[in-house]
N, C-alpha and C. Protein backbone atom coordinates (compact mmCIF):
# COMPACT_ATOMS: atom_id res chain seq x y z
N MET A 1 139.78 212.56 157.80
CA MET A 1 140.35 212.52 159.14
C MET A 1 141.65 211.72 159.12
N ASP A 2 142.63 212.19 159.86
CA ASP A 2 143.91 211.50 159.98
C ASP A 2 143.82 210.49 161.12
N TYR A 3 143.87 209.20 160.76
CA TYR A 3 143.79 208.16 161.78
C TYR A 3 145.18 207.82 162.30
N PRO A 4 145.38 207.80 163.60
CA PRO A 4 146.67 207.33 164.14
C PRO A 4 146.87 205.86 163.78
N LEU A 5 148.09 205.49 163.53
CA LEU A 5 148.38 204.11 163.16
C LEU A 5 147.96 203.15 164.26
N ALA A 6 148.15 203.55 165.53
CA ALA A 6 147.76 202.69 166.65
C ALA A 6 146.26 202.41 166.64
N LEU A 7 145.46 203.42 166.34
CA LEU A 7 144.01 203.24 166.28
C LEU A 7 143.63 202.30 165.14
N ALA A 8 144.31 202.44 164.02
CA ALA A 8 144.03 201.57 162.88
C ALA A 8 144.35 200.11 163.21
N LEU A 9 145.43 199.89 163.95
CA LEU A 9 145.80 198.52 164.31
C LEU A 9 144.81 197.93 165.31
N VAL A 10 144.35 198.76 166.25
CA VAL A 10 143.38 198.29 167.24
C VAL A 10 142.09 197.85 166.56
N ASP A 11 141.79 198.43 165.41
CA ASP A 11 140.57 198.10 164.67
C ASP A 11 140.55 196.63 164.24
N PHE A 12 141.70 195.97 164.22
CA PHE A 12 141.75 194.56 163.85
C PHE A 12 141.35 193.65 165.02
N LEU A 13 141.42 194.15 166.25
CA LEU A 13 141.13 193.31 167.41
C LEU A 13 139.69 192.78 167.43
N PRO A 14 138.67 193.64 167.22
CA PRO A 14 137.32 193.07 167.18
C PRO A 14 137.11 192.11 166.02
N VAL A 15 137.82 192.33 164.92
CA VAL A 15 137.71 191.40 163.78
C VAL A 15 138.25 190.03 164.18
N LEU A 16 139.37 190.02 164.88
CA LEU A 16 139.94 188.75 165.34
C LEU A 16 139.01 188.06 166.33
N ALA A 17 138.43 188.85 167.26
CA ALA A 17 137.50 188.27 168.23
C ALA A 17 136.26 187.72 167.54
N MET A 18 135.76 188.47 166.56
CA MET A 18 134.60 188.00 165.79
C MET A 18 134.92 186.71 165.06
N THR A 19 136.10 186.65 164.46
CA THR A 19 136.52 185.44 163.74
C THR A 19 136.58 184.25 164.68
N ALA A 20 137.12 184.46 165.88
CA ALA A 20 137.20 183.37 166.86
C ALA A 20 135.81 182.89 167.25
N GLY A 21 134.90 183.84 167.48
CA GLY A 21 133.54 183.47 167.86
C GLY A 21 132.83 182.70 166.77
N ILE A 22 132.94 183.16 165.53
CA ILE A 22 132.30 182.48 164.40
C ILE A 22 132.91 181.08 164.21
N SER A 23 134.23 180.97 164.39
CA SER A 23 134.90 179.67 164.23
C SER A 23 134.39 178.65 165.24
N LEU A 24 133.98 179.12 166.41
CA LEU A 24 133.40 178.23 167.42
C LEU A 24 131.91 178.02 167.18
N LEU A 25 131.24 179.03 166.63
CA LEU A 25 129.79 178.95 166.45
C LEU A 25 129.40 177.97 165.34
N VAL A 26 130.15 177.96 164.25
CA VAL A 26 129.77 177.10 163.11
C VAL A 26 129.78 175.62 163.49
N PRO A 27 130.81 175.08 164.16
CA PRO A 27 130.75 173.68 164.58
C PRO A 27 129.61 173.42 165.56
N PHE A 28 129.32 174.39 166.42
CA PHE A 28 128.20 174.26 167.35
C PHE A 28 126.89 174.09 166.59
N VAL A 29 126.68 174.94 165.58
CA VAL A 29 125.46 174.84 164.77
C VAL A 29 125.42 173.51 164.03
N ARG A 30 126.57 173.06 163.55
CA ARG A 30 126.61 171.78 162.84
C ARG A 30 126.16 170.64 163.75
N ARG A 31 126.62 170.63 164.99
CA ARG A 31 126.24 169.57 165.93
C ARG A 31 124.76 169.66 166.30
N MET A 32 124.25 170.87 166.38
CA MET A 32 122.87 171.06 166.83
C MET A 32 121.84 170.93 165.71
N ALA A 33 122.23 171.28 164.47
CA ALA A 33 121.23 171.36 163.40
C ALA A 33 121.63 170.70 162.10
N GLY A 34 122.88 170.26 161.97
CA GLY A 34 123.28 169.57 160.75
C GLY A 34 124.11 170.43 159.83
N PRO A 35 124.70 169.80 158.81
CA PRO A 35 125.66 170.49 157.92
C PRO A 35 125.04 171.59 157.06
N SER A 36 123.81 171.44 156.62
CA SER A 36 123.23 172.45 155.74
C SER A 36 123.03 173.77 156.49
N ILE A 37 122.57 173.69 157.73
CA ILE A 37 122.38 174.90 158.53
C ILE A 37 123.74 175.50 158.89
N ALA A 38 124.71 174.63 159.15
CA ALA A 38 126.06 175.11 159.46
C ALA A 38 126.67 175.85 158.27
N THR A 39 126.35 175.41 157.06
CA THR A 39 126.84 176.10 155.86
C THR A 39 126.31 177.52 155.80
N ALA A 40 125.04 177.69 156.15
CA ALA A 40 124.45 179.03 156.18
C ALA A 40 125.14 179.89 157.24
N ALA A 41 125.41 179.29 158.40
CA ALA A 41 126.10 180.02 159.46
C ALA A 41 127.51 180.41 159.02
N LEU A 42 128.18 179.51 158.32
CA LEU A 42 129.52 179.80 157.82
C LEU A 42 129.49 180.93 156.82
N ALA A 43 128.51 180.91 155.92
CA ALA A 43 128.39 181.98 154.92
C ALA A 43 128.12 183.32 155.59
N GLY A 44 127.21 183.30 156.57
CA GLY A 44 126.91 184.53 157.28
C GLY A 44 128.10 185.05 158.05
N GLY A 45 128.81 184.13 158.70
CA GLY A 45 130.01 184.53 159.44
C GLY A 45 131.08 185.08 158.53
N ALA A 46 131.24 184.47 157.36
CA ALA A 46 132.25 184.94 156.40
C ALA A 46 131.94 186.36 155.93
N LEU A 47 130.65 186.64 155.71
CA LEU A 47 130.25 187.99 155.28
C LEU A 47 130.55 189.03 156.37
N THR A 48 130.20 188.71 157.61
CA THR A 48 130.41 189.66 158.70
C THR A 48 131.90 189.91 158.95
N VAL A 49 132.68 188.83 158.95
CA VAL A 49 134.12 188.98 159.17
C VAL A 49 134.77 189.76 158.03
N THR A 50 134.37 189.46 156.80
CA THR A 50 134.91 190.18 155.65
C THR A 50 134.58 191.67 155.73
N GLY A 51 133.35 191.99 156.12
CA GLY A 51 132.97 193.39 156.25
C GLY A 51 133.82 194.12 157.27
N GLY A 52 134.02 193.50 158.43
CA GLY A 52 134.85 194.11 159.45
C GLY A 52 136.30 194.21 159.04
N ALA A 53 136.80 193.19 158.35
CA ALA A 53 138.20 193.18 157.92
C ALA A 53 138.47 194.25 156.88
N LEU A 54 137.54 194.43 155.94
CA LEU A 54 137.73 195.45 154.91
C LEU A 54 137.78 196.85 155.52
N LYS A 55 136.92 197.10 156.51
CA LYS A 55 136.95 198.41 157.17
C LYS A 55 138.27 198.62 157.91
N ALA A 56 138.77 197.56 158.56
CA ALA A 56 140.03 197.67 159.29
C ALA A 56 141.20 197.90 158.33
N VAL A 57 141.20 197.21 157.20
CA VAL A 57 142.26 197.39 156.20
C VAL A 57 142.20 198.80 155.62
N TRP A 58 140.98 199.28 155.35
CA TRP A 58 140.83 200.64 154.84
C TRP A 58 141.43 201.65 155.81
N LYS A 59 141.11 201.49 157.09
CA LYS A 59 141.62 202.43 158.09
C LYS A 59 143.14 202.36 158.18
N LEU A 60 143.71 201.16 158.05
CA LEU A 60 145.16 201.01 158.10
C LEU A 60 145.81 201.68 156.89
N ILE A 61 145.19 201.55 155.73
CA ILE A 61 145.73 202.19 154.52
C ILE A 61 145.73 203.71 154.69
N VAL A 62 144.63 204.25 155.18
CA VAL A 62 144.53 205.70 155.37
C VAL A 62 145.53 206.17 156.42
N ALA A 63 145.65 205.43 157.53
CA ALA A 63 146.58 205.81 158.60
C ALA A 63 148.03 205.75 158.13
N SER A 64 148.31 204.90 157.14
CA SER A 64 149.66 204.76 156.61
C SER A 64 149.97 205.77 155.51
N GLY A 65 149.03 206.66 155.25
CA GLY A 65 149.24 207.68 154.22
C GLY A 65 148.81 207.26 152.84
N GLY A 66 148.08 206.15 152.75
CA GLY A 66 147.63 205.67 151.45
C GLY A 66 146.34 206.34 151.01
N PRO A 67 145.79 205.91 149.88
CA PRO A 67 144.58 206.54 149.32
C PRO A 67 143.33 206.15 150.11
N ASP A 68 142.33 206.98 150.02
CA ASP A 68 141.03 206.72 150.65
C ASP A 68 140.20 205.88 149.70
N ILE A 69 140.22 204.57 149.91
CA ILE A 69 139.48 203.65 149.04
C ILE A 69 138.05 203.55 149.58
N VAL A 70 137.17 204.33 149.01
CA VAL A 70 135.83 204.52 149.57
C VAL A 70 135.05 203.22 149.67
N TRP A 71 135.15 202.38 148.64
CA TRP A 71 134.33 201.17 148.64
C TRP A 71 134.70 200.24 149.79
N MET A 72 135.96 200.27 150.22
CA MET A 72 136.37 199.43 151.35
C MET A 72 135.75 199.93 152.65
N ALA A 73 135.62 201.23 152.76
CA ALA A 73 135.02 201.81 153.97
C ALA A 73 133.53 201.51 154.06
N LYS A 74 132.86 201.47 152.90
CA LYS A 74 131.41 201.28 152.90
C LYS A 74 130.98 199.83 152.72
N ALA A 75 131.91 198.96 152.38
CA ALA A 75 131.55 197.57 152.09
C ALA A 75 130.91 196.87 153.28
N GLN A 76 131.35 197.24 154.49
CA GLN A 76 130.84 196.54 155.67
C GLN A 76 129.33 196.69 155.81
N PHE A 77 128.78 197.84 155.40
CA PHE A 77 127.33 198.03 155.50
C PHE A 77 126.58 197.02 154.63
N PHE A 78 127.16 196.70 153.48
CA PHE A 78 126.49 195.80 152.54
C PHE A 78 126.76 194.32 152.85
N LEU A 79 127.71 194.06 153.74
CA LEU A 79 128.04 192.69 154.11
C LEU A 79 127.49 192.30 155.48
N LEU A 80 127.48 193.24 156.42
CA LEU A 80 127.03 192.90 157.77
C LEU A 80 125.55 192.55 157.82
N GLY A 81 124.72 193.29 157.07
CA GLY A 81 123.28 193.01 157.07
C GLY A 81 122.96 191.59 156.64
N PRO A 82 123.34 191.20 155.42
CA PRO A 82 123.09 189.82 154.99
C PRO A 82 123.80 188.79 155.88
N GLY A 83 125.00 189.13 156.35
CA GLY A 83 125.74 188.19 157.19
C GLY A 83 125.02 187.89 158.48
N PHE A 84 124.60 188.92 159.19
CA PHE A 84 123.88 188.71 160.44
C PHE A 84 122.52 188.05 160.21
N THR A 85 121.91 188.33 159.07
CA THR A 85 120.62 187.71 158.76
C THR A 85 120.77 186.20 158.62
N LEU A 86 121.82 185.76 157.93
CA LEU A 86 122.07 184.32 157.79
C LEU A 86 122.39 183.69 159.14
N LEU A 87 123.20 184.37 159.94
CA LEU A 87 123.53 183.85 161.27
C LEU A 87 122.28 183.72 162.14
N ALA A 88 121.42 184.73 162.09
CA ALA A 88 120.20 184.69 162.88
C ALA A 88 119.32 183.51 162.46
N TRP A 89 119.16 183.32 161.15
CA TRP A 89 118.34 182.20 160.67
C TRP A 89 118.94 180.86 161.10
N ALA A 90 120.25 180.73 160.99
CA ALA A 90 120.90 179.47 161.36
C ALA A 90 120.71 179.16 162.83
N LEU A 91 120.85 180.16 163.69
CA LEU A 91 120.68 179.91 165.13
C LEU A 91 119.25 179.60 165.49
N LEU A 92 118.29 180.27 164.83
CA LEU A 92 116.88 179.96 165.08
C LEU A 92 116.55 178.55 164.62
N SER A 93 117.27 178.05 163.63
CA SER A 93 117.00 176.72 163.07
C SER A 93 117.61 175.60 163.90
N THR A 94 118.29 175.93 165.00
CA THR A 94 118.87 174.88 165.84
C THR A 94 117.84 174.27 166.77
N ALA A 95 116.68 174.88 166.92
CA ALA A 95 115.67 174.35 167.84
C ALA A 95 115.06 173.09 167.27
N PRO A 96 115.04 171.99 168.03
CA PRO A 96 114.47 170.74 167.51
C PRO A 96 112.99 170.86 167.19
N SER A 97 112.29 171.78 167.86
CA SER A 97 110.86 171.93 167.59
C SER A 97 110.60 172.47 166.19
N THR A 98 111.65 173.04 165.57
CA THR A 98 111.47 173.57 164.22
C THR A 98 111.87 172.57 163.15
N ALA A 99 112.30 171.37 163.55
CA ALA A 99 112.73 170.37 162.57
C ALA A 99 111.62 170.12 161.55
N GLY A 100 111.95 170.25 160.30
CA GLY A 100 110.97 170.03 159.24
C GLY A 100 110.15 171.28 158.95
N ARG A 101 110.12 172.22 159.84
CA ARG A 101 109.39 173.48 159.63
C ARG A 101 110.19 174.63 160.22
N ARG A 102 111.43 174.72 159.80
CA ARG A 102 112.31 175.77 160.28
C ARG A 102 111.81 177.13 159.80
N PRO A 103 112.27 178.19 160.45
CA PRO A 103 111.91 179.53 159.96
C PRO A 103 112.27 179.65 158.48
N PRO A 104 111.37 180.17 157.68
CA PRO A 104 111.62 180.20 156.22
C PRO A 104 112.83 181.05 155.86
N LEU A 105 113.78 180.42 155.20
CA LEU A 105 114.99 181.14 154.78
C LEU A 105 114.64 182.25 153.80
N TRP A 106 113.63 182.01 152.97
CA TRP A 106 113.27 183.01 151.97
C TRP A 106 112.84 184.32 152.62
N ALA A 107 112.18 184.23 153.78
CA ALA A 107 111.73 185.45 154.46
C ALA A 107 112.92 186.26 154.97
N PHE A 108 113.92 185.57 155.53
CA PHE A 108 115.12 186.25 156.00
C PHE A 108 115.89 186.83 154.82
N ALA A 109 115.99 186.05 153.74
CA ALA A 109 116.69 186.54 152.55
C ALA A 109 115.99 187.76 151.97
N ALA A 110 114.66 187.73 151.95
CA ALA A 110 113.90 188.86 151.41
C ALA A 110 114.13 190.11 152.26
N PHE A 111 114.22 189.93 153.57
CA PHE A 111 114.47 191.05 154.47
C PHE A 111 115.82 191.70 154.16
N ALA A 112 116.85 190.85 153.97
CA ALA A 112 118.18 191.38 153.65
C ALA A 112 118.21 192.04 152.28
N VAL A 113 117.58 191.42 151.30
CA VAL A 113 117.55 191.97 149.95
C VAL A 113 116.80 193.30 149.93
N ALA A 114 115.72 193.39 150.71
CA ALA A 114 114.97 194.64 150.78
C ALA A 114 115.84 195.76 151.33
N GLY A 115 116.66 195.43 152.33
CA GLY A 115 117.59 196.43 152.88
C GLY A 115 118.60 196.87 151.85
N LEU A 116 119.14 195.92 151.10
CA LEU A 116 120.11 196.26 150.06
C LEU A 116 119.47 197.12 148.97
N ALA A 117 118.26 196.75 148.56
CA ALA A 117 117.58 197.50 147.51
C ALA A 117 117.25 198.92 147.98
N ALA A 118 116.81 199.04 149.23
CA ALA A 118 116.46 200.36 149.76
C ALA A 118 117.71 201.24 149.88
N ALA A 119 118.81 200.65 150.30
CA ALA A 119 120.06 201.41 150.41
C ALA A 119 120.51 201.91 149.04
N ALA A 120 120.39 201.05 148.02
CA ALA A 120 120.79 201.44 146.67
C ALA A 120 119.87 202.52 146.11
N ALA A 121 118.57 202.39 146.39
CA ALA A 121 117.61 203.35 145.85
C ALA A 121 117.72 204.71 146.53
N LEU A 122 117.97 204.72 147.82
CA LEU A 122 118.01 205.96 148.59
C LEU A 122 119.40 206.58 148.65
N GLY A 123 120.41 205.80 148.26
CA GLY A 123 121.77 206.31 148.31
C GLY A 123 122.29 206.50 149.72
N GLY A 124 121.77 205.73 150.66
CA GLY A 124 122.20 205.82 152.05
C GLY A 124 122.33 204.42 152.64
N THR A 125 122.99 204.34 153.78
CA THR A 125 123.23 203.03 154.39
C THR A 125 122.28 202.71 155.54
N TRP A 126 121.41 203.67 155.90
CA TRP A 126 120.57 203.43 157.08
C TRP A 126 119.62 202.23 156.94
N PRO A 127 119.10 201.89 155.73
CA PRO A 127 118.28 200.67 155.66
C PRO A 127 119.08 199.42 156.04
N LEU A 128 120.36 199.40 155.67
CA LEU A 128 121.19 198.25 156.01
C LEU A 128 121.52 198.24 157.49
N LEU A 129 121.60 199.41 158.10
CA LEU A 129 121.80 199.46 159.55
C LEU A 129 120.61 198.86 160.28
N ILE A 130 119.41 199.08 159.75
CA ILE A 130 118.21 198.49 160.33
C ILE A 130 118.26 196.98 160.22
N VAL A 131 118.61 196.48 159.02
CA VAL A 131 118.72 195.03 158.82
C VAL A 131 119.75 194.43 159.77
N THR A 132 120.90 195.09 159.89
CA THR A 132 121.96 194.60 160.76
C THR A 132 121.52 194.58 162.21
N THR A 133 120.88 195.65 162.66
CA THR A 133 120.47 195.75 164.06
C THR A 133 119.41 194.71 164.41
N VAL A 134 118.42 194.56 163.53
CA VAL A 134 117.35 193.58 163.79
C VAL A 134 117.92 192.16 163.81
N SER A 135 118.74 191.83 162.82
CA SER A 135 119.29 190.48 162.74
C SER A 135 120.26 190.20 163.87
N ALA A 136 121.09 191.19 164.23
CA ALA A 136 122.02 191.00 165.34
C ALA A 136 121.27 190.83 166.65
N THR A 137 120.12 191.50 166.79
CA THR A 137 119.30 191.34 167.99
C THR A 137 118.72 189.93 168.07
N ILE A 138 118.21 189.44 166.95
CA ILE A 138 117.67 188.07 166.92
C ILE A 138 118.76 187.07 167.28
N LEU A 139 119.94 187.25 166.69
CA LEU A 139 121.07 186.36 166.97
C LEU A 139 121.45 186.41 168.45
N GLY A 140 121.59 187.62 168.98
CA GLY A 140 122.00 187.77 170.36
C GLY A 140 121.00 187.20 171.34
N VAL A 141 119.72 187.46 171.11
CA VAL A 141 118.67 186.95 172.01
C VAL A 141 118.62 185.43 171.94
N ARG A 142 118.76 184.87 170.75
CA ARG A 142 118.75 183.40 170.61
C ARG A 142 119.91 182.77 171.37
N LEU A 143 121.10 183.34 171.24
CA LEU A 143 122.25 182.82 171.96
C LEU A 143 122.07 182.98 173.47
N LEU A 144 121.50 184.09 173.88
CA LEU A 144 121.25 184.32 175.30
C LEU A 144 120.28 183.28 175.85
N LEU A 145 119.21 183.00 175.11
CA LEU A 145 118.22 182.02 175.57
C LEU A 145 118.81 180.61 175.59
N LEU A 146 119.61 180.27 174.59
CA LEU A 146 120.27 178.97 174.60
C LEU A 146 121.18 178.82 175.82
N SER A 147 121.86 179.90 176.17
CA SER A 147 122.76 179.87 177.33
C SER A 147 121.96 179.65 178.62
N ARG A 148 120.81 180.31 178.70
CA ARG A 148 119.97 180.13 179.90
C ARG A 148 119.48 178.70 180.01
N ARG A 149 119.08 178.10 178.89
CA ARG A 149 118.57 176.73 178.93
C ARG A 149 119.66 175.73 179.26
N ALA A 150 120.91 176.09 178.93
CA ALA A 150 122.04 175.23 179.25
C ALA A 150 122.61 175.53 180.63
N ASN A 151 121.95 176.43 181.36
CA ASN A 151 122.40 176.82 182.71
C ASN A 151 123.81 177.42 182.69
N GLN A 152 124.13 178.11 181.60
CA GLN A 152 125.42 178.77 181.47
C GLN A 152 125.25 180.25 181.84
N VAL A 153 125.34 180.52 183.14
CA VAL A 153 125.09 181.88 183.62
C VAL A 153 126.10 182.87 183.04
N ALA A 154 127.37 182.47 183.03
CA ALA A 154 128.41 183.37 182.52
C ALA A 154 128.17 183.69 181.05
N ALA A 155 127.81 182.68 180.26
CA ALA A 155 127.55 182.91 178.83
C ALA A 155 126.34 183.82 178.65
N THR A 156 125.33 183.67 179.52
CA THR A 156 124.16 184.53 179.43
C THR A 156 124.54 185.99 179.62
N PHE A 157 125.37 186.27 180.62
CA PHE A 157 125.82 187.64 180.85
C PHE A 157 126.70 188.14 179.71
N LEU A 158 127.53 187.25 179.16
CA LEU A 158 128.41 187.64 178.06
C LEU A 158 127.61 188.03 176.82
N PHE A 159 126.59 187.24 176.51
CA PHE A 159 125.76 187.57 175.34
C PHE A 159 124.90 188.81 175.61
N GLY A 160 124.50 188.99 176.87
CA GLY A 160 123.79 190.22 177.21
C GLY A 160 124.66 191.44 177.02
N PHE A 161 125.91 191.33 177.44
CA PHE A 161 126.85 192.43 177.24
C PHE A 161 127.09 192.67 175.76
N ASN A 162 127.17 191.60 174.99
CA ASN A 162 127.36 191.73 173.54
C ASN A 162 126.21 192.50 172.91
N LEU A 163 124.98 192.22 173.34
CA LEU A 163 123.83 192.93 172.80
C LEU A 163 123.88 194.41 173.17
N LEU A 164 124.12 194.69 174.45
CA LEU A 164 124.18 196.08 174.89
C LEU A 164 125.32 196.82 174.19
N GLY A 165 126.46 196.14 174.03
CA GLY A 165 127.59 196.76 173.35
C GLY A 165 127.27 197.08 171.90
N THR A 166 126.51 196.18 171.25
CA THR A 166 126.12 196.42 169.86
C THR A 166 125.26 197.67 169.74
N TYR A 167 124.30 197.82 170.65
CA TYR A 167 123.45 199.01 170.62
C TYR A 167 124.26 200.27 170.92
N ALA A 168 125.15 200.17 171.90
CA ALA A 168 125.97 201.33 172.26
C ALA A 168 126.86 201.74 171.09
N MET A 169 127.39 200.74 170.37
CA MET A 169 128.23 201.04 169.21
C MET A 169 127.43 201.80 168.14
N GLY A 170 126.18 201.40 167.96
CA GLY A 170 125.33 202.09 166.99
C GLY A 170 125.11 203.54 167.36
N ILE A 171 124.92 203.80 168.65
CA ILE A 171 124.71 205.17 169.12
C ILE A 171 125.98 206.00 168.93
N LEU A 172 127.12 205.42 169.32
CA LEU A 172 128.38 206.15 169.19
C LEU A 172 128.74 206.41 167.73
N ALA A 173 128.51 205.41 166.88
CA ALA A 173 128.84 205.57 165.46
C ALA A 173 127.96 206.61 164.79
N GLY A 174 126.78 206.86 165.39
CA GLY A 174 125.86 207.84 164.81
C GLY A 174 126.15 209.27 165.22
N GLN A 175 127.15 209.47 166.06
CA GLN A 175 127.50 210.83 166.47
C GLN A 175 128.06 211.60 165.28
N PRO A 176 127.60 212.84 165.07
CA PRO A 176 128.03 213.59 163.88
C PRO A 176 129.52 213.92 163.87
N GLU A 177 130.09 214.14 165.04
CA GLU A 177 131.51 214.49 165.11
C GLU A 177 132.30 213.29 165.62
N GLN A 178 132.98 212.61 164.71
CA GLN A 178 133.76 211.42 165.05
C GLN A 178 135.20 211.82 165.37
N THR A 179 135.43 212.27 166.59
CA THR A 179 136.77 212.67 166.99
C THR A 179 137.64 211.44 167.22
N ILE A 180 138.94 211.64 167.28
CA ILE A 180 139.86 210.53 167.53
C ILE A 180 139.58 209.92 168.91
N ALA A 181 139.32 210.78 169.91
CA ALA A 181 139.03 210.28 171.25
C ALA A 181 137.79 209.39 171.25
N LEU A 182 136.74 209.82 170.54
CA LEU A 182 135.52 209.04 170.47
C LEU A 182 135.77 207.71 169.77
N GLN A 183 136.60 207.71 168.74
CA GLN A 183 136.88 206.47 168.02
C GLN A 183 137.70 205.50 168.87
N TRP A 184 138.54 206.02 169.77
CA TRP A 184 139.23 205.12 170.70
C TRP A 184 138.22 204.43 171.61
N VAL A 185 137.23 205.20 172.06
CA VAL A 185 136.18 204.61 172.89
C VAL A 185 135.41 203.56 172.10
N GLU A 186 135.07 203.89 170.86
CA GLU A 186 134.32 202.96 170.01
C GLU A 186 135.08 201.66 169.79
N GLU A 187 136.36 201.77 169.44
CA GLU A 187 137.14 200.57 169.15
C GLU A 187 137.38 199.73 170.40
N SER A 188 137.55 200.39 171.54
CA SER A 188 137.71 199.65 172.80
C SER A 188 136.44 198.90 173.14
N LEU A 189 135.29 199.58 173.00
CA LEU A 189 134.01 198.93 173.27
C LEU A 189 133.73 197.82 172.27
N ASN A 190 134.06 198.06 171.01
CA ASN A 190 133.84 197.04 169.98
C ASN A 190 134.67 195.79 170.25
N THR A 191 135.90 195.99 170.70
CA THR A 191 136.76 194.85 171.04
C THR A 191 136.17 194.06 172.20
N LEU A 192 135.72 194.76 173.24
CA LEU A 192 135.12 194.09 174.40
C LEU A 192 133.83 193.37 174.00
N THR A 193 133.05 194.01 173.13
CA THR A 193 131.77 193.42 172.71
C THR A 193 131.97 192.09 171.99
N TRP A 194 132.94 192.05 171.06
CA TRP A 194 133.15 190.83 170.30
C TRP A 194 133.98 189.80 171.06
N THR A 195 134.77 190.26 172.01
CA THR A 195 135.44 189.31 172.90
C THR A 195 134.42 188.60 173.76
N ALA A 196 133.42 189.35 174.25
CA ALA A 196 132.34 188.73 175.02
C ALA A 196 131.58 187.72 174.18
N PHE A 197 131.35 188.04 172.91
CA PHE A 197 130.68 187.11 172.00
C PHE A 197 131.48 185.82 171.86
N ALA A 198 132.78 185.94 171.62
CA ALA A 198 133.63 184.76 171.44
C ALA A 198 133.66 183.92 172.71
N MET A 199 133.80 184.55 173.86
CA MET A 199 133.84 183.82 175.12
C MET A 199 132.50 183.16 175.41
N GLY A 200 131.40 183.85 175.07
CA GLY A 200 130.08 183.28 175.27
C GLY A 200 129.86 182.04 174.41
N VAL A 201 130.25 182.12 173.14
CA VAL A 201 130.11 180.97 172.25
C VAL A 201 130.97 179.80 172.75
N TRP A 202 132.17 180.11 173.22
CA TRP A 202 133.06 179.06 173.74
C TRP A 202 132.41 178.34 174.92
N ARG A 203 131.83 179.08 175.85
CA ARG A 203 131.19 178.47 177.01
C ARG A 203 129.94 177.70 176.59
N LEU A 204 129.18 178.23 175.64
CA LEU A 204 127.97 177.56 175.18
C LEU A 204 128.32 176.27 174.46
N ALA A 205 129.36 176.29 173.63
CA ALA A 205 129.77 175.09 172.90
C ALA A 205 130.22 173.99 173.87
N ARG A 206 130.87 174.37 174.96
CA ARG A 206 131.29 173.40 175.96
C ARG A 206 130.10 172.73 176.63
N ALA A 207 128.99 173.43 176.69
CA ALA A 207 127.80 172.91 177.35
C ALA A 207 126.85 172.24 176.37
N LYS A 208 127.35 171.87 175.20
CA LYS A 208 126.49 171.34 174.14
C LYS A 208 125.69 170.13 174.58
N THR A 209 126.31 169.19 175.31
CA THR A 209 125.61 167.97 175.72
C THR A 209 124.44 168.30 176.63
N LEU A 210 124.69 169.15 177.62
CA LEU A 210 123.63 169.57 178.53
C LEU A 210 122.53 170.30 177.78
N LEU A 211 122.92 171.15 176.86
CA LEU A 211 121.95 171.92 176.09
C LEU A 211 121.07 171.01 175.26
N THR A 212 121.66 170.01 174.66
CA THR A 212 120.88 169.06 173.85
C THR A 212 119.83 168.36 174.71
N GLU A 213 120.24 167.96 175.91
CA GLU A 213 119.29 167.31 176.82
C GLU A 213 118.16 168.24 177.19
N GLN A 214 118.49 169.52 177.43
CA GLN A 214 117.48 170.50 177.79
C GLN A 214 116.48 170.72 176.65
N LEU A 215 117.02 170.84 175.43
CA LEU A 215 116.18 171.15 174.29
C LEU A 215 115.26 170.00 173.91
N PHE A 216 115.75 168.79 174.04
CA PHE A 216 114.96 167.62 173.61
C PHE A 216 114.14 167.03 174.75
N ARG A 217 114.17 167.68 175.89
CA ARG A 217 113.42 167.13 177.04
C ARG A 217 111.93 167.22 176.76
């Protein structure tokens, strides 16, 4: 497919929004759960951002008349699953009630590795889509619940929109005929989805003191 250059450039917008959200989320996790958990969040965020960036660069290369570098187009499937899994574990580990008995990292890692192994064995990416969807849902629900406990109504709606947008993106991306018009819709929705994520994290991070009081009450 011939991608318009404008569409390829727009593909960088959700990556930038995702990067902004992760940049705010990692310090938040550090304050709530400590440096080791924040390191996991940083690693997960780096994987997700890298996956999105590689896909955007691939699209820009193709739109500019360059070669179709297949591995760049498919890399995001192998990075988003593990990335979201780490982010989900890190956010679940922020609860003080889990101190000393946090959700087992090995279980989350095994889930991601199973997705990678299944994708390699079957020669398809759908197992990784399952890993990504499940982990992104856990992450989104956790952020939504944290926002509710911090009385951040706007952040709650923003994370709710992020979740719905993620599901909608999955449906649109699964359409057999990916027309240029449909991809404009996808990229516009993807930009809004990750902008909502970044704005939600920003509002939640601002409410950190109140949230801490709520959690430790």
